[in-house]
Amino acid sequence: MRIEKRLTMPWLCLIVFMLCLLVPVHLQAKEMTLEEAISWGVEHNIDLDTIRNNIGELERTLEILDAAESFQVDLSTTPIWSSGDDSLSTEVDLSTTKLITADFGLSTELSWEIDNINQFDFEEINDEINASMYLEKSLYPDTLTENEKQIYTTENNLEMKIAELSWEEMEKQIEFIEDYLNIIRLEEQLAIAREQGVLAQEELERVNKQIKLGEGGYQQQTEAQIALEEARNQKLSQEQQFIQAKADWMLTLRLPQDTEIILEDNSNLFEALNTQMKDLLLEQDNKEQQIDDAMDLNYQIQNNERQKETLVKELEWTEAEGKPNVNLAGGYEYPNDNWYVMVDFSVNLSDGGAQKLKEEQKQVDIEQQQVNLDYLAEQLKLEAEQLYDRDTYNQLNLQTQELALAKEQDKYAIMETQFQQGAISRTQLEQEKLLVREKEIAVRQAEDQWLINRLELAHFLGFLEQEM
């Protein structure tokens, strides 16, 4: 049984904004929204750039290998000086080769000698020219040329890198979102730390006034001074964490240094993400089937399967190297006007066991790749189960934080009444208000954890890619 409800909205403003680049990002822009910043990051992140460069390198290698199978023409000239008659002549060779199919090739060669390169005579060349045409077809074994083997391997590697890029682009988008939410929460905590500093300063001033009026003691003053220093230290620590987290995030996205990011967590992006993640129906009873379905589509599994296929091919090629070779060849020679056909047979009668060792090594490589594949599958399955477990924990944690917030809000309501009755000071009421705000941040952090884990789980199950 698959997930009951498929996601119907275009997947994630995240994907649309980031991969389709609906919002243009200009290098000169001083201010960016989250969507613009993540679009920029997907295009410029150093890790993703490295994968793209690898893809470009593989594509260029393929172009070179493809060019090697096209019509090849070579021209060589060799000046020859003879001491006997003190003459200088030039030998010219023109050769062409063309691989028509994997087992059928054509080559031609023209050669002639020019006595005086300054007196070029076509009739003289025609009399002295030597020409040959050579056709060769491999009859046995039926295998690829070295160039075609390289093309096969390179195409396989290219497919793996493209799959990796697609997966990592989505991984990076989720990572960018997670780090951004962390920055938002740090900024909120910094705002509370600043207000706590103000309240601590006010409390110290109030104690000092009481001391002057003879209504307070120096112990209260010491406690207020300590509270103020702690508030200042907390503010400094929060400032450093906020600045560092923001700098790290901008570096990861490789944003221009003069860019200013609009920090907000109530954008349409987060509203869309939360709506989509709530629509992702997960059933513990059905998670095994969901994981199995996801494993079939996982890029790491598929890439390891491709690597195994390559090793199997390499074993076939190695086995072919140990078989007898039978080639059919024919050609024509001018000016002898000679046509000929020949069958070439060759076999290695003894190589000291080298061929057998090569084949055994390839077989060992295949078996080891299967071991790696099985181990990877177990790792990914464990990772998926952990994502499911964290989803359950995150929901419980969110409920716990909401209860703690409700409790603190009730306490604040009681203290408001006490303040109006003169039972507590305004500073005490403000302190409690800050505690309520801290609980609100804790709730939002729990919501962030739930959202990010859901995105990672949806990504693992393949739903983000399906909606692209």
Protein backbone atom coordinates (compact mmCIF):
# COMPACT_ATOMS: atom_id res chain seq x y z
CA MET A 1 0.00 0.00 0.00
CA ARG A 2 1.43 3.34 -1.01
CA ILE A 3 0.89 6.67 0.72
CA GLU A 4 -2.84 7.38 0.47
CA LYS A 5 -2.69 11.03 -0.49
CA ARG A 6 -0.39 12.36 -3.17
CA LEU A 7 0.81 15.92 -3.03
CA THR A 8 -1.19 17.93 -5.55
CA MET A 9 0.17 21.46 -5.32
CA PRO A 10 3.32 22.33 -7.32
CA TRP A 11 6.00 20.98 -4.98
CA LEU A 12 7.25 23.50 -2.68
CA CYS A 13 7.57 27.09 -3.60
CA LEU A 14 11.03 25.94 -2.59
CA ILE A 15 11.55 23.96 -5.79
CA VAL A 16 9.84 26.43 -8.06
CA PHE A 17 11.77 29.36 -6.69
CA MET A 18 15.06 27.58 -6.46
CA LEU A 19 15.32 25.43 -9.53
CA CYS A 20 13.14 27.30 -11.99
CA LEU A 21 14.48 30.65 -10.77
CA LEU A 22 11.19 32.46 -11.12
CA VAL A 23 12.56 35.40 -9.19
CA PRO A 24 15.59 36.93 -10.92
CA VAL A 25 18.62 37.50 -8.73
CA HIS A 26 20.86 40.40 -9.66
CA LEU A 27 24.47 40.65 -8.61
CA GLN A 28 23.98 44.32 -7.69
CA ALA A 29 20.96 43.65 -5.45
CA LYS A 30 21.43 44.94 -1.91
CA GLU A 31 18.44 43.11 -0.50
CA MET A 32 17.21 39.55 -1.06
CA THR A 33 14.21 37.55 0.05
CA LEU A 34 14.63 33.98 1.24
CA GLU A 35 13.45 32.62 -2.12
CA GLU A 36 15.98 34.71 -4.02
CA ALA A 37 18.79 33.78 -1.63
CA ILE A 38 18.13 30.05 -1.95
CA SER A 39 17.87 30.33 -5.74
CA TRP A 40 21.27 31.96 -5.69
CA GLY A 41 22.63 29.29 -3.36
CA VAL A 42 21.50 26.42 -5.58
CA GLU A 43 23.30 28.03 -8.50
CA HIS A 44 26.49 28.97 -6.65
CA ASN A 45 26.99 26.57 -3.72
CA ILE A 46 30.54 25.22 -3.84
CA ASP A 47 29.53 21.58 -3.28
CA LEU A 48 26.97 21.69 -6.07
CA ASP A 49 29.43 23.52 -8.32
CA THR A 50 31.93 20.71 -7.80
CA ILE A 51 29.37 18.14 -9.01
CA ARG A 52 28.46 20.33 -11.98
CA ASN A 53 32.14 20.67 -12.89
CA ASN A 54 32.48 16.89 -12.76
CA ILE A 55 29.50 16.57 -15.08
CA GLY A 56 31.03 19.09 -17.48
CA GLU A 57 34.32 17.20 -17.46
CA LEU A 58 32.58 13.90 -18.23
CA GLU A 59 30.61 15.53 -21.05
CA ARG A 60 33.80 16.90 -22.59
CA THR A 61 35.42 13.47 -22.28
CA LEU A 62 32.48 11.95 -24.15
CA GLU A 63 32.84 14.54 -26.91
CA ILE A 64 36.53 13.63 -27.25
CA LEU A 65 35.73 9.91 -27.37
CA ASP A 66 32.97 10.48 -29.92
CA ALA A 67 35.35 12.53 -32.05
CA ALA A 68 37.83 9.65 -32.01
CA GLU A 69 35.28 7.51 -33.88
CA SER A 70 34.82 10.04 -36.66
CA PHE A 71 36.81 10.15 -39.91
CA GLN A 72 40.51 10.65 -39.08
CA VAL A 73 43.00 12.16 -41.53
CA ASP A 74 46.76 12.36 -40.86
CA LEU A 75 49.40 14.04 -42.99
CA SER A 76 53.14 13.67 -42.44
CA THR A 77 56.12 14.97 -44.42
CA THR A 78 59.73 13.85 -44.08
CA PRO A 79 62.55 15.86 -45.71
CA ILE A 80 65.35 13.54 -46.95
CA TRP A 81 68.82 14.88 -47.75
CA SER A 82 71.17 12.70 -49.79
CA SER A 83 74.90 13.35 -49.41
CA GLY A 84 75.74 11.51 -52.62
CA ASP A 85 74.18 14.00 -55.02
CA ASP A 86 73.57 16.74 -52.49
CA SER A 87 69.84 16.64 -53.20
CA LEU A 88 66.83 17.31 -50.96
CA SER A 89 63.58 15.44 -51.43
CA THR A 90 60.41 15.15 -49.36
CA GLU A 91 58.44 12.03 -48.53
CA VAL A 92 54.73 12.68 -48.00
CA ASP A 93 52.27 10.30 -46.32
CA LEU A 94 48.49 10.84 -46.18
CA SER A 95 46.46 8.32 -44.20
CA THR A 96 42.81 8.07 -43.27
CA THR A 97 40.97 5.81 -40.82
CA LYS A 98 37.29 5.30 -40.07
CA LEU A 99 35.68 2.92 -37.60
CA ILE A 100 32.45 2.04 -39.40
CA THR A 101 31.11 -0.26 -36.68
CA ALA A 102 32.55 -1.71 -33.49
CA ASP A 103 34.07 -4.64 -35.40
CA PHE A 104 34.59 -3.15 -38.87
CA GLY A 105 37.24 -0.56 -39.80
CA LEU A 106 38.53 1.08 -42.97
CA SER A 107 41.94 2.65 -43.51
CA THR A 108 43.71 4.07 -46.57
CA GLU A 109 47.21 5.36 -47.15
CA LEU A 110 48.82 7.43 -49.91
CA SER A 111 52.57 8.07 -50.09
CA TRP A 112 54.84 9.71 -52.61
CA GLU A 113 58.19 11.44 -52.84
CA ILE A 114 58.76 14.97 -54.16
CA ASP A 115 62.26 15.68 -55.52
CA ASN A 116 61.84 19.45 -55.52
CA ILE A 117 59.11 20.90 -53.40
CA ASN A 118 59.39 24.21 -55.25
CA GLN A 119 58.58 22.50 -58.56
CA PHE A 120 55.38 20.66 -57.76
CA ASP A 121 54.37 18.38 -60.64
CA PHE A 122 51.07 16.42 -60.39
CA GLU A 123 52.00 14.09 -63.25
CA GLU A 124 55.26 13.18 -61.53
CA ILE A 125 53.38 12.48 -58.30
CA ASN A 126 50.87 10.30 -60.12
CA ASP A 127 53.69 8.18 -61.51
CA GLU A 128 55.39 7.71 -58.13
CA ILE A 129 52.40 7.47 -55.81
CA ASN A 130 51.83 4.38 -53.70
CA ALA A 131 48.34 3.76 -52.37
CA SER A 132 46.64 1.12 -50.30
CA MET A 133 43.20 0.45 -48.85
CA TYR A 134 42.69 -1.91 -45.95
CA LEU A 135 39.44 -3.32 -44.52
CA GLU A 136 39.32 -5.32 -41.30
CA LYS A 137 36.45 -7.03 -39.54
CA SER A 138 36.64 -8.82 -36.21
CA LEU A 139 34.87 -12.17 -36.36
CA TYR A 140 35.58 -13.44 -32.85
CA PRO A 141 35.18 -12.56 -30.01
CA ASP A 142 32.29 -10.11 -30.30
CA THR A 143 33.47 -7.27 -28.04
CA LEU A 144 33.80 -3.50 -27.95
CA THR A 145 36.79 -1.46 -28.99
CA GLU A 146 38.84 0.28 -26.30
CA ASN A 147 37.26 3.58 -27.33
CA GLU A 148 33.74 2.16 -26.99
CA LYS A 149 34.59 0.70 -23.59
CA GLN A 150 35.65 4.15 -22.43
CA ILE A 151 32.46 5.64 -23.84
CA TYR A 152 30.34 3.08 -21.97
CA THR A 153 32.14 3.73 -18.68
CA THR A 154 32.03 7.51 -19.11
CA GLU A 155 28.31 7.52 -19.94
CA ASN A 156 27.66 5.43 -16.85
CA ASN A 157 29.65 7.83 -14.68
CA LEU A 158 27.81 10.78 -16.23
CA GLU A 159 24.41 9.27 -15.39
CA MET A 160 25.55 8.75 -11.81
CA LYS A 161 26.74 12.34 -11.45
CA ILE A 162 23.52 13.74 -12.90
CA ALA A 163 21.50 11.65 -10.43
CA GLU A 164 23.75 12.81 -7.60
CA LEU A 165 23.31 16.47 -8.58
CA SER A 166 19.53 16.18 -8.64
CA TRP A 167 19.50 14.61 -5.17
CA GLU A 168 22.05 16.99 -3.67
CA GLU A 169 20.27 20.08 -5.00
CA MET A 170 17.20 19.09 -3.01
CA GLU A 171 19.33 18.21 0.03
CA LYS A 172 20.94 21.65 -0.11
CA GLN A 173 17.58 23.40 -0.35
CA ILE A 174 16.40 21.67 2.81
CA GLU A 175 19.71 22.49 4.49
CA PHE A 176 19.38 26.16 3.49
CA ILE A 177 15.86 26.27 4.94
CA GLU A 178 16.99 24.64 8.19
CA ASP A 179 19.89 27.05 8.66
CA TYR A 180 17.67 30.03 7.84
CA LEU A 181 15.11 29.02 10.47
CA ASN A 182 17.92 28.64 12.99
CA ILE A 183 19.01 32.23 12.22
CA ILE A 184 15.44 33.45 12.75
CA ARG A 185 15.23 31.77 16.16
CA LEU A 186 18.65 33.12 17.16
CA GLU A 187 17.49 36.62 16.25
CA GLU A 188 14.37 36.17 18.37
CA GLN A 189 16.45 34.93 21.30
CA LEU A 190 18.81 37.87 20.83
CA ALA A 191 15.86 40.28 21.08
CA ILE A 192 14.87 38.66 24.39
CA ALA A 193 18.46 38.83 25.68
CA ARG A 194 18.55 42.55 24.93
CA GLU A 195 15.29 43.15 26.78
CA GLN A 196 16.53 41.07 29.70
CA GLY A 197 19.55 43.35 29.85
CA VAL A 198 17.30 46.40 29.96
CA LEU A 199 15.21 44.86 32.74
CA ALA A 200 18.33 43.89 34.70
CA GLN A 201 19.60 47.47 34.43
CA GLU A 202 16.26 48.82 35.60
CA GLU A 203 16.24 46.38 38.51
CA LEU A 204 19.70 47.51 39.62
CA GLU A 205 18.63 51.14 39.45
CA ARG A 206 15.53 50.33 41.51
CA VAL A 207 17.63 48.57 44.18
CA ASN A 208 20.06 51.49 44.31
CA LYS A 209 17.17 53.89 44.91
CA GLN A 210 15.85 51.68 47.70
CA ILE A 211 19.28 51.65 49.32
CA LYS A 212 19.37 55.46 49.27
CA LEU A 213 15.98 55.48 50.90
CA GLY A 214 17.14 52.96 53.46
CA GLU A 215 14.72 50.34 52.20
CA GLY A 216 17.17 47.89 50.67
CA GLY A 217 20.35 46.06 51.48
CA TYR A 218 23.67 45.66 49.75
CA GLN A 219 23.03 41.95 49.24
CA GLN A 220 20.14 42.87 46.95
CA GLN A 221 22.46 45.27 45.14
CA THR A 222 25.07 42.53 44.63
CA GLU A 223 22.44 40.14 43.32
CA ALA A 224 21.13 42.80 40.92
CA GLN A 225 24.67 43.55 39.69
CA ILE A 226 25.32 39.84 39.11
CA ALA A 227 22.01 39.52 37.24
CA LEU A 228 22.98 42.48 35.06
CA GLU A 229 26.38 41.00 34.22
CA GLU A 230 24.79 37.65 33.40
CA ALA A 231 22.27 39.40 31.15
CA ARG A 232 25.10 41.25 29.38
CA ASN A 233 27.05 38.01 28.91
CA GLN A 234 23.96 36.27 27.60
CA LYS A 235 23.34 39.12 25.17
CA LEU A 236 26.95 38.98 23.94
CA SER A 237 26.75 35.21 23.49
CA GLN A 238 23.48 35.48 21.56
CA GLU A 239 24.91 38.22 19.35
CA GLN A 240 27.95 36.13 18.50
CA GLN A 241 25.86 33.04 17.71
CA PHE A 242 23.50 35.06 15.53
CA ILE A 243 26.28 36.81 13.61
CA GLN A 244 28.24 33.58 13.11
CA ALA A 245 25.19 31.57 11.98
CA LYS A 246 24.19 34.26 9.50
CA ALA A 247 27.74 34.57 8.14
CA ASP A 248 28.04 30.78 7.75
CA TRP A 249 24.69 30.63 5.96
CA MET A 250 25.62 33.41 3.54
CA LEU A 251 28.96 31.74 2.87
CA THR A 252 27.28 28.41 2.16
CA LEU A 253 25.01 30.14 -0.36
CA ARG A 254 28.02 32.18 -1.60
CA LEU A 255 25.97 35.35 -1.49
CA PRO A 256 27.63 38.67 -2.43
CA GLN A 257 29.09 40.37 0.63
CA ASP A 258 26.90 43.46 0.30
CA THR A 259 23.67 41.40 0.30
CA GLU A 260 21.10 42.05 2.99
CA ILE A 261 18.67 39.20 3.72
CA ILE A 262 15.10 39.87 4.78
CA LEU A 263 14.63 37.71 7.89
CA GLU A 264 11.04 36.54 8.34
CA ASP A 265 9.38 33.22 9.06
CA ASN A 266 5.85 34.06 7.96
CA SER A 267 6.48 34.06 4.22
CA ASN A 268 4.34 32.24 1.66
CA LEU A 269 7.15 29.73 1.32
CA PHE A 270 6.84 28.43 4.89
CA GLU A 271 3.05 28.47 4.70
CA ALA A 272 3.19 26.31 1.56
CA LEU A 273 5.80 23.97 3.06
CA ASN A 274 3.82 23.41 6.24
CA THR A 275 0.64 22.76 4.28
CA GLN A 276 2.34 20.23 2.03
CA MET A 277 4.07 18.44 4.90
CA LYS A 278 0.80 18.12 6.81
CA ASP A 279 -0.65 16.45 3.71
CA LEU A 280 2.11 13.85 3.77
CA LEU A 281 0.29 10.94 5.35
CA LEU A 282 2.63 8.56 7.12
CA GLU A 283 1.51 5.29 8.63
CA GLN A 284 3.72 3.31 10.95
CA ASP A 285 2.00 0.09 9.86
CA ASN A 286 2.84 0.84 6.23
CA LYS A 287 6.30 2.30 6.63
CA GLU A 288 8.13 -0.89 5.57
CA GLN A 289 6.44 -0.81 2.16
CA GLN A 290 7.05 2.92 1.82
CA ILE A 291 10.74 2.44 2.59
CA ASP A 292 11.04 -0.46 0.14
CA ASP A 293 9.42 1.61 -2.62
CA ALA A 294 11.74 4.52 -1.85
CA MET A 295 14.82 2.30 -1.91
CA ASP A 296 14.09 1.31 -5.50
CA LEU A 297 14.27 4.99 -6.50
CA ASN A 298 17.12 6.08 -4.26
CA TYR A 299 19.96 7.55 -6.29
CA GLN A 300 22.67 5.93 -4.15
CA ILE A 301 21.18 2.47 -4.69
CA GLN A 302 20.78 3.11 -8.41
CA ASN A 303 24.32 4.45 -8.74
CA ASN A 304 25.76 1.44 -6.94
CA GLU A 305 23.77 -0.80 -9.27
CA ARG A 306 25.31 1.07 -12.22
CA GLN A 307 28.77 0.54 -10.75
CA LYS A 308 28.07 -3.17 -10.46
CA GLU A 309 26.87 -3.28 -14.08
CA THR A 310 30.13 -1.64 -15.14
CA LEU A 311 32.14 -4.24 -13.24
CA VAL A 312 30.15 -7.04 -14.89
CA LYS A 313 30.92 -5.51 -18.28
CA GLU A 314 34.59 -5.24 -17.40
CA LEU A 315 34.61 -8.94 -16.50
CA GLU A 316 33.12 -9.74 -19.92
CA TRP A 317 35.76 -7.61 -21.63
CA THR A 318 38.52 -9.27 -19.61
CA GLU A 319 37.23 -12.75 -20.48
CA ALA A 320 37.18 -11.74 -24.16
CA GLU A 321 40.85 -10.78 -23.95
CA GLY A 322 41.73 -14.41 -23.16
CA LYS A 323 39.85 -15.88 -26.12
CA PRO A 324 41.35 -16.60 -29.56
CA ASN A 325 41.11 -13.70 -31.99
CA VAL A 326 39.82 -14.23 -35.52
CA ASN A 327 39.88 -11.31 -37.94
CA LEU A 328 38.94 -11.10 -41.60
CA ALA A 329 40.92 -8.54 -43.59
CA GLY A 330 41.25 -7.45 -47.19
CA GLY A 331 42.67 -4.64 -49.23
CA TYR A 332 44.00 -3.20 -52.45
CA GLU A 333 47.48 -1.94 -53.39
CA TYR A 334 48.39 0.56 -56.09
CA PRO A 335 50.26 0.66 -58.43
CA ASN A 336 50.62 -3.11 -58.10
CA ASP A 337 46.89 -3.45 -58.76
CA ASN A 338 46.83 -6.18 -56.14
CA TRP A 339 43.67 -7.29 -54.31
CA TYR A 340 43.99 -9.63 -51.34
CA VAL A 341 41.95 -11.29 -48.60
CA MET A 342 43.26 -12.92 -45.45
CA VAL A 343 42.07 -14.48 -42.23
CA ASP A 344 44.08 -13.69 -39.13
CA PHE A 345 43.99 -16.13 -36.20
CA SER A 346 45.85 -15.58 -32.95
CA VAL A 347 45.74 -17.19 -29.53
CA ASN A 348 47.82 -16.85 -26.40
CA LEU A 349 48.98 -20.36 -25.55
CA SER A 350 50.59 -19.47 -22.23
CA ASP A 351 50.68 -16.32 -20.12
CA GLY A 352 51.78 -17.70 -16.76
CA GLY A 353 48.23 -17.57 -15.39
CA ALA A 354 47.88 -13.78 -15.79
CA GLN A 355 44.57 -13.98 -17.66
CA LYS A 356 42.99 -16.21 -15.02
CA LEU A 357 44.15 -13.87 -12.24
CA LYS A 358 42.66 -10.87 -14.05
CA GLU A 359 39.31 -12.61 -14.36
CA GLU A 360 39.36 -13.70 -10.71
CA GLN A 361 40.10 -10.13 -9.62
CA LYS A 362 37.16 -8.80 -11.64
CA GLN A 363 34.91 -11.41 -10.06
CA VAL A 364 36.11 -10.40 -6.60
CA ASP A 365 35.36 -6.75 -7.47
CA ILE A 366 31.80 -7.68 -8.44
CA GLU A 367 31.25 -9.64 -5.23
CA GLN A 368 32.65 -6.78 -3.14
CA GLN A 369 30.39 -4.31 -4.93
CA GLN A 370 27.39 -6.48 -4.06
CA VAL A 371 28.51 -6.49 -0.42
CA ASN A 372 28.77 -2.67 -0.56
CA LEU A 373 25.32 -2.49 -2.14
CA ASP A 374 23.73 -4.67 0.54
CA TYR A 375 25.42 -2.66 3.29
CA LEU A 376 24.27 0.62 1.74
CA ALA A 377 20.71 -0.68 1.56
CA GLU A 378 20.79 -1.51 5.27
CA GLN A 379 22.21 1.92 6.08
CA LEU A 380 19.53 3.72 4.08
CA LYS A 381 16.80 1.58 5.61
CA LEU A 382 18.07 2.46 9.08
CA GLU A 383 18.20 6.14 8.11
CA ALA A 384 14.60 6.00 6.90
CA GLU A 385 13.41 4.32 10.10
CA GLN A 386 15.18 7.02 12.11
CA LEU A 387 13.36 9.70 10.09
CA TYR A 388 10.05 8.00 10.90
CA ASP A 389 10.96 7.75 14.58
CA ARG A 390 12.03 11.39 14.71
CA ASP A 391 8.74 12.37 13.12
CA THR A 392 6.88 10.69 15.97
CA TYR A 393 9.20 12.31 18.53
CA ASN A 394 8.85 15.75 16.92
CA GLN A 395 5.07 15.58 17.13
CA LEU A 396 5.22 14.62 20.80
CA ASN A 397 7.83 17.28 21.50
CA LEU A 398 5.67 19.92 19.81
CA GLN A 399 2.72 18.95 21.98
CA THR A 400 4.92 19.16 25.08
CA GLN A 401 6.21 22.60 24.16
CA GLU A 402 2.67 23.83 23.46
CA LEU A 403 1.57 22.62 26.89
CA ALA A 404 4.55 24.36 28.51
CA LEU A 405 3.63 27.56 26.66
CA ALA A 406 -0.01 27.35 27.77
CA LYS A 407 1.15 26.87 31.36
CA GLU A 408 3.43 29.91 31.17
CA GLN A 409 0.66 31.98 29.57
CA ASP A 410 -1.69 31.08 32.43
CA LYS A 411 1.00 32.10 34.90
CA TYR A 412 1.44 35.43 33.12
CA ALA A 413 -2.32 36.06 33.26
CA ILE A 414 -2.27 35.51 37.03
CA MET A 415 0.72 37.82 37.43
CA GLU A 416 -1.05 40.53 35.40
CA THR A 417 -3.81 40.48 38.01
CA GLN A 418 -1.21 40.58 40.80
CA PHE A 419 0.50 43.55 39.15
CA GLN A 420 -2.77 45.45 38.88
CA GLN A 421 -3.31 44.77 42.60
CA GLY A 422 0.20 46.03 43.37
CA ALA A 423 1.41 42.68 44.64
CA ILE A 424 4.36 42.49 42.20
CA SER A 425 6.52 45.01 40.37
CA ARG A 426 6.39 45.88 36.68
CA THR A 427 9.87 44.38 36.29
CA GLN A 428 8.64 41.04 37.61
CA LEU A 429 5.73 41.13 35.17
CA GLU A 430 8.04 41.96 32.27
CA GLN A 431 10.36 39.13 33.27
CA GLU A 432 7.45 36.72 33.13
CA LYS A 433 6.45 38.14 29.75
CA LEU A 434 9.91 37.33 28.44
CA LEU A 435 9.56 33.78 29.77
CA VAL A 436 6.33 33.47 27.76
CA ARG A 437 8.19 34.65 24.65
CA GLU A 438 10.94 32.08 25.30
CA LYS A 439 8.29 29.36 25.44
CA GLU A 440 6.84 30.68 22.17
CA ILE A 441 10.28 30.40 20.58
CA ALA A 442 10.57 26.84 21.92
CA VAL A 443 7.26 26.01 20.24
CA ARG A 444 8.46 27.49 16.94
CA GLN A 445 11.74 25.57 17.22
CA ALA A 446 9.76 22.36 17.72
CA GLU A 447 7.69 23.24 14.64
CA ASP A 448 10.93 23.88 12.70
CA GLN A 449 12.31 20.49 13.69
CA TRP A 450 9.09 18.79 12.62
CA LEU A 451 9.09 20.62 9.27
CA ILE A 452 12.73 19.90 8.42
CA ASN A 453 12.44 16.24 9.36
CA ARG A 454 9.26 15.94 7.29
CA LEU A 455 11.05 17.50 4.31
CA GLU A 456 13.93 15.05 4.69
CA LEU A 457 11.50 12.15 4.95
CA ALA A 458 9.50 13.33 1.93
CA HIS A 459 12.75 13.71 0.02
CA PHE A 460 13.84 10.19 0.95
CA LEU A 461 10.48 8.77 -0.12
CA GLY A 462 10.89 10.49 -3.48
CA PHE A 463 7.94 12.85 -3.24
CA LEU A 464 9.86 16.07 -3.75
CA GLU A 465 11.28 14.80 -7.06
CA GLN A 466 7.91 13.51 -8.25
CA GLU A 467 6.38 16.96 -8.00
CA MET A 468 9.14 18.74 -9.94
